[in-house]
Structures are given as structure tokens and as C-alpha cells.
C-alpha atoms as a PDB file:
ATOM      1  CA  UNK A   1     175.989 112.931  42.144  1.00  0.00           C
ATOM      2  CA  UNK A   2     171.724 113.623  41.496  1.00  0.00           C
ATOM      3  CA  UNK A   3     170.174 114.220  38.066  1.00  0.00           C
ATOM      4  CA  UNK A   4     167.061 115.605  37.840  1.00  0.00           C
ATOM      5  CA  UNK A   5     164.865 116.273  34.823  1.00  0.00           C
ATOM      6  CA  UNK A   6     162.607 119.508  36.020  1.00  0.00           C
ATOM      7  CA  UNK A   7     160.313 120.096  32.549  1.00  0.00           C
ATOM      8  CA  UNK A   8     159.269 123.509  33.790  1.00  0.00           C
ATOM      9  CA  UNK A   9     162.639 125.025  33.975  1.00  0.00           C
ATOM     10  CA  UNK A  10     162.421 126.814  30.751  1.00  0.00           C
ATOM     11  CA  UNK A  11     164.421 129.903  31.252  1.00  0.00           C
ATOM     12  CA  UNK A  12     167.502 131.959  32.488  1.00  0.00           C
ATOM     13  CA  UNK A  13     165.080 133.308  35.726  1.00  0.00           C
ATOM     14  CA  UNK A  14     164.332 129.409  36.341  1.00  0.00           C
ATOM     15  CA  UNK A  15     167.583 128.472  35.954  1.00  0.00           C
ATOM     16  CA  UNK A  16     168.758 130.990  38.566  1.00  0.00           C
ATOM     17  CA  UNK A  17     165.948 130.179  41.068  1.00  0.00           C
ATOM     18  CA  UNK A  18     166.622 126.390  40.903  1.00  0.00           C
ATOM     19  CA  UNK A  19     170.321 126.926  41.497  1.00  0.00           C
ATOM     20  CA  UNK A  20     169.685 129.062  44.665  1.00  0.00           C
ATOM     21  CA  UNK A  21     166.894 126.262  46.325  1.00  0.00           C
ATOM     22  CA  UNK A  22     169.932 123.890  45.773  1.00  0.00           C
ATOM     23  CA  UNK A  23     172.392 126.234  47.049  1.00  0.00           C
ATOM     24  CA  UNK A  24     170.299 126.790  50.203  1.00  0.00           C
ATOM     25  CA  UNK A  25     170.451 123.358  51.355  1.00  0.00           C
ATOM     26  CA  UNK A  26     173.959 122.913  50.496  1.00  0.00           C
ATOM     27  CA  UNK A  27     176.291 126.556  49.741  1.00  0.00           C
ATOM     28  CA  UNK A  28     178.805 124.229  48.770  1.00  0.00           C
ATOM     29  CA  UNK A  29     176.822 121.943  45.977  1.00  0.00           C
ATOM     30  CA  UNK A  30     178.044 122.040  42.312  1.00  0.00           C
ATOM     31  CA  UNK A  31     175.132 122.477  40.017  1.00  0.00           C
ATOM     32  CA  UNK A  32     175.460 122.068  36.385  1.00  0.00           C
ATOM     33  CA  UNK A  33     172.135 122.815  34.485  1.00  0.00           C
ATOM     34  CA  UNK A  34     170.954 122.084  30.374  1.00  0.00           C
ATOM     35  CA  UNK A  35     168.270 124.770  29.597  1.00  0.00           C
ATOM     36  CA  UNK A  36     167.720 122.840  26.418  1.00  0.00           C
ATOM     37  CA  UNK A  37     167.323 119.720  28.013  1.00  0.00           C
ATOM     38  CA  UNK A  38     165.544 120.306  31.558  1.00  0.00           C
ATOM     39  CA  UNK A  39     168.283 118.810  33.186  1.00  0.00           C
ATOM     40  CA  UNK A  40     169.901 119.579  36.466  1.00  0.00           C
ATOM     41  CA  UNK A  41     173.133 117.522  37.578  1.00  0.00           C
ATOM     42  CA  UNK A  42     173.915 118.272  41.720  1.00  0.00           C
ATOM     43  CA  UNK A  43     177.382 117.388  43.188  1.00  0.00           C
ATOM     44  CA  UNK A  44     176.518 117.619  46.809  1.00  0.00           C
ATOM     45  CA  UNK A  45     176.724 115.609  50.150  1.00  0.00           C
ATOM     46  CA  UNK A  46     173.092 116.588  50.912  1.00  0.00           C
ATOM     47  CA  UNK A  47     170.370 113.444  50.087  1.00  0.00           C
ATOM     48  CA  UNK A  48     168.287 112.901  47.482  1.00  0.00           C
ATOM     49  CA  UNK A  49     164.888 114.202  49.127  1.00  0.00           C
ATOM     50  CA  UNK A  50     166.007 117.342  50.847  1.00  0.00           C
ATOM     51  CA  UNK A  51     166.873 118.233  47.072  1.00  0.00           C
ATOM     52  CA  UNK A  52     163.966 117.399  45.822  1.00  0.00           C
ATOM     53  CA  UNK A  53     161.947 119.126  48.614  1.00  0.00           C
ATOM     54  CA  UNK A  54     163.631 122.446  48.312  1.00  0.00           C
ATOM     55  CA  UNK A  55     163.308 122.260  44.125  1.00  0.00           C
ATOM     56  CA  UNK A  56     159.958 121.673  45.032  1.00  0.00           C
ATOM     57  CA  UNK A  57     159.095 124.061  47.129  1.00  0.00           C
ATOM     58  CA  UNK A  58     160.944 126.723  45.023  1.00  0.00           C
ATOM     59  CA  UNK A  59     158.323 125.740  42.133  1.00  0.00           C
ATOM     60  CA  UNK A  60     159.861 123.603  40.216  1.00  0.00           C
ATOM     61  CA  UNK A  61     159.657 120.022  41.436  1.00  0.00           C
ATOM     62  CA  UNK A  62     161.650 117.215  39.351  1.00  0.00           C
ATOM     63  CA  UNK A  63     160.092 114.267  37.410  1.00  0.00           C
END
């Protein structure tokens, strides 16, 4: 399990883009998002760097 904070994620559209970016790396990833705290929890077998890169390329770089 990985946890990311994405300050630029502020609305439902953002949530959709973030979820899609993660699932393009791992279609079976389980993504849980708490928009109010800008937190994303990902359950995946992929490595953290792959998820981080996908989020950054989608325009939502994690801190």
C-alpha cells in the first residue's frame, strides 16, 4: 500500500484524472481518495516510482 499527498487535487474532475492515471499503470489497482485532505491511497503491485511518474505526467505531482 502507498500513500500520496497531491495538493493540486481539488475537485471531482481531479479525482477522475488521478484515478485514471494510476489505473493506466495497473488496471487492478485499488485507489482510495480523500479529496478534503488531498490524500490518495493505492493498493498495487507496481512500484512507487511508476505511480509517482504517472501522477506527475497527468499533471498531479505528489509531494
